[in-house]
């Protein structure tokens, strides 16, 4: 996924590794793209070695030099292959850790299990806020013009978090109504 995001950024315009990092951070790519921002520099080296990107120019600022990368024609074709791969790959992911915890919550005192789920609820509520903030940042960066498919992705992320929140709230309600989880 990192390679795709790097190529997509360079498809917009030539950039330094730092510029790509900043753009991906601003767009909250770690959250929605599952990419570690620090892995960008390794991806740049690999993409350059494989001929998908090249150094367009070198900027000097003081004693430092910055390489400005651009995507090659080979890179544009590879980017399309990566997009197709991403679209075809299964994206069904279950919150297996949460499911495992709920399945065995009966082994804990009710109060302890409920408290742990309340922490999970807080995490999900924070995630919901982070997605909303990321959406707002994207909206600002795009000057109010978010592509329909990007909007769809944000809507889907919010919906997933809301479904998990509903699940956690229902589990907490069950524990509150029934003092024994057995």
Protein backbone atom coordinates (compact mmCIF):
# COMPACT_ATOMS: atom_id res chain seq x y z
CA UNK A 1 0.00 0.00 0.00
CA UNK A 2 2.89 2.38 0.71
CA UNK A 3 4.15 2.09 -2.87
CA UNK A 4 0.70 2.93 -4.23
CA UNK A 5 0.35 6.00 -2.01
CA UNK A 6 3.84 7.24 -2.90
CA UNK A 7 3.22 6.78 -6.63
CA UNK A 8 -0.18 8.47 -6.32
CA UNK A 9 1.38 11.48 -4.60
CA UNK A 10 4.09 11.73 -7.25
CA UNK A 11 1.40 11.42 -9.92
CA UNK A 12 0.05 14.74 -8.66
CA UNK A 13 3.38 16.55 -8.96
CA UNK A 14 7.10 15.99 -8.36
CA UNK A 15 7.89 16.03 -4.62
CA UNK A 16 10.54 15.35 -2.02
CA UNK A 17 10.18 12.46 0.38
CA UNK A 18 9.40 14.99 3.09
CA UNK A 19 6.61 16.55 0.97
CA UNK A 20 5.06 13.10 0.47
CA UNK A 21 5.33 12.39 4.20
CA UNK A 22 3.60 15.67 5.08
CA UNK A 23 0.79 15.10 2.57
CA UNK A 24 0.16 11.56 3.79
CA UNK A 25 0.20 12.71 7.42
CA UNK A 26 -2.21 15.53 6.58
CA UNK A 27 -4.51 13.04 4.87
CA UNK A 28 -4.29 10.63 7.83
CA UNK A 29 -2.98 7.81 5.60
CA UNK A 30 -1.88 5.75 8.60
CA UNK A 31 -5.54 5.42 9.61
CA UNK A 32 -7.27 4.84 6.30
CA UNK A 33 -4.42 3.52 4.19
CA UNK A 34 -2.81 1.27 6.75
CA UNK A 35 0.57 2.73 5.89
CA UNK A 36 3.35 3.56 8.30
CA UNK A 37 4.49 7.05 7.41
CA UNK A 38 8.11 6.19 8.21
CA UNK A 39 8.08 3.50 5.50
CA UNK A 40 7.84 6.15 2.76
CA UNK A 41 11.61 6.55 2.49
CA UNK A 42 12.17 2.81 2.02
CA UNK A 43 9.44 2.77 -0.62
CA UNK A 44 11.09 5.71 -2.43
CA UNK A 45 14.43 3.86 -2.56
CA UNK A 46 12.80 0.66 -3.84
CA UNK A 47 10.63 2.48 -6.39
CA UNK A 48 13.66 4.39 -7.69
CA UNK A 49 15.78 1.22 -7.87
CA UNK A 50 13.02 -0.51 -9.86
CA UNK A 51 12.66 2.44 -12.28
CA UNK A 52 9.14 3.49 -11.21
CA UNK A 53 10.32 6.92 -10.06
CA UNK A 54 13.39 9.03 -10.75
CA UNK A 55 15.09 12.08 -9.32
CA UNK A 56 13.81 15.07 -11.29
CA UNK A 57 16.12 17.55 -9.61
CA UNK A 58 18.14 18.23 -6.48
CA UNK A 59 17.43 21.28 -4.33
CA UNK A 60 20.04 22.71 -2.04
CA UNK A 61 19.01 24.51 1.12
CA UNK A 62 21.97 25.50 3.23
CA UNK A 63 24.14 22.42 3.69
CA UNK A 64 21.33 20.00 2.87
CA UNK A 65 20.30 18.60 -0.44
CA UNK A 66 16.81 17.31 -1.20
CA UNK A 67 15.93 15.00 -4.04
CA UNK A 68 12.72 15.84 -5.86
CA UNK A 69 11.19 12.69 -7.30
CA UNK A 70 8.86 12.26 -10.24
CA UNK A 71 6.95 9.25 -11.49
CA UNK A 72 8.15 7.56 -14.69
CA UNK A 73 5.97 6.07 -17.43
CA UNK A 74 6.86 2.64 -16.04
CA UNK A 75 5.76 3.95 -12.62
CA UNK A 76 2.41 5.13 -14.00
CA UNK A 77 1.72 1.65 -15.39
CA UNK A 78 2.78 0.09 -12.06
CA UNK A 79 0.54 2.52 -10.18
CA UNK A 80 -2.42 1.32 -12.26
CA UNK A 81 -1.53 -2.31 -11.48
CA UNK A 82 -1.39 -1.49 -7.76
CA UNK A 83 -4.77 0.27 -7.93
CA UNK A 84 -6.34 -2.78 -9.59
CA UNK A 85 -4.73 -5.06 -7.00
CA UNK A 86 -6.07 -2.88 -4.16
CA UNK A 87 -9.57 -2.88 -5.65
CA UNK A 88 -9.62 -6.66 -6.10
CA UNK A 89 -8.13 -7.64 -2.73
CA UNK A 90 -10.60 -8.74 -0.07
CA UNK A 91 -11.13 -6.05 2.52
CA UNK A 92 -13.34 -7.87 4.99
CA UNK A 93 -11.69 -7.48 8.37
CA UNK A 94 -13.37 -8.56 11.58
CA UNK A 95 -12.48 -7.13 14.99
CA UNK A 96 -11.27 -10.58 16.06
CA UNK A 97 -9.62 -9.39 19.26
CA UNK A 98 -12.84 -7.75 20.38
CA UNK A 99 -14.89 -10.81 19.40
CA UNK A 100 -12.53 -13.08 21.35
CA UNK A 101 -12.79 -10.87 24.40
CA UNK A 102 -16.59 -10.76 24.25
CA UNK A 103 -16.78 -14.53 23.73
CA UNK A 104 -14.87 -15.13 26.97
CA UNK A 105 -16.06 -12.14 29.00
CA UNK A 106 -18.10 -14.56 31.12
CA UNK A 107 -14.81 -15.66 32.72
CA UNK A 108 -14.39 -12.21 34.29
CA UNK A 109 -16.36 -10.50 37.02
CA UNK A 110 -19.14 -8.58 35.30
CA UNK A 111 -17.85 -5.21 36.51
CA UNK A 112 -14.35 -5.87 35.17
CA UNK A 113 -15.63 -6.97 31.73
CA UNK A 114 -17.96 -3.98 31.55
CA UNK A 115 -15.14 -1.60 32.48
CA UNK A 116 -12.91 -3.03 29.74
CA UNK A 117 -15.69 -2.59 27.18
CA UNK A 118 -16.21 0.99 28.31
CA UNK A 119 -12.52 1.59 27.50
CA UNK A 120 -13.15 0.06 24.06
CA UNK A 121 -16.10 2.41 23.63
CA UNK A 122 -13.85 5.39 24.42
CA UNK A 123 -11.31 4.17 21.85
CA UNK A 124 -14.02 3.87 19.20
CA UNK A 125 -15.43 7.30 20.06
CA UNK A 126 -11.91 8.76 19.70
CA UNK A 127 -11.58 6.98 16.36
CA UNK A 128 -14.88 8.47 15.22
CA UNK A 129 -13.63 11.95 16.14
CA UNK A 130 -10.30 11.34 14.38
CA UNK A 131 -12.05 10.27 11.18
CA UNK A 132 -14.26 13.37 11.32
CA UNK A 133 -11.17 15.55 11.86
CA UNK A 134 -9.38 13.82 8.97
CA UNK A 135 -12.39 14.39 6.77
CA UNK A 136 -12.44 18.07 7.69
CA UNK A 137 -8.71 18.40 6.97
CA UNK A 138 -9.19 16.71 3.59
CA UNK A 139 -12.16 18.98 2.86
CA UNK A 140 -10.05 22.04 3.69
CA UNK A 141 -7.08 20.79 1.66
CA UNK A 142 -9.31 20.09 -1.34
CA UNK A 143 -11.06 23.48 -0.93
CA UNK A 144 -14.44 21.84 -0.37
CA UNK A 145 -14.25 19.59 -3.44
CA UNK A 146 -13.84 16.00 -2.27
CA UNK A 147 -14.03 13.37 -5.02
CA UNK A 148 -17.11 11.17 -4.70
CA UNK A 149 -15.11 7.97 -4.15
CA UNK A 150 -13.03 9.65 -1.42
CA UNK A 151 -16.27 10.80 0.22
CA UNK A 152 -17.54 7.23 -0.01
CA UNK A 153 -14.39 5.95 1.74
CA UNK A 154 -14.82 8.42 4.62
CA UNK A 155 -18.50 7.54 4.94
CA UNK A 156 -17.64 3.84 5.05
CA UNK A 157 -14.95 4.30 7.72
CA UNK A 158 -17.42 6.20 9.90
CA UNK A 159 -20.08 3.54 9.37
CA UNK A 160 -17.68 0.76 10.40
CA UNK A 161 -16.80 2.59 13.62
CA UNK A 162 -20.49 3.25 14.33
CA UNK A 163 -21.32 -0.44 13.86
CA UNK A 164 -18.56 -1.43 16.29
CA UNK A 165 -19.76 1.19 18.76
CA UNK A 166 -23.26 -0.25 18.51
CA UNK A 167 -21.87 -3.74 19.17
CA UNK A 168 -19.89 -2.58 22.22
CA UNK A 169 -22.86 -0.62 23.60
CA UNK A 170 -25.11 -3.67 23.19
CA UNK A 171 -22.57 -5.87 24.99
CA UNK A 172 -22.40 -3.37 27.86
CA UNK A 173 -26.23 -3.27 28.04
CA UNK A 174 -26.38 -7.06 28.22
CA UNK A 175 -23.91 -7.03 31.11
CA UNK A 176 -25.86 -4.34 32.93
CA UNK A 177 -29.11 -6.29 32.63
CA UNK A 178 -27.61 -9.66 33.52
CA UNK A 179 -25.19 -9.77 36.43
CA UNK A 180 -23.98 -13.21 35.38
CA UNK A 181 -22.66 -13.53 31.85
CA UNK A 182 -22.94 -17.32 31.82
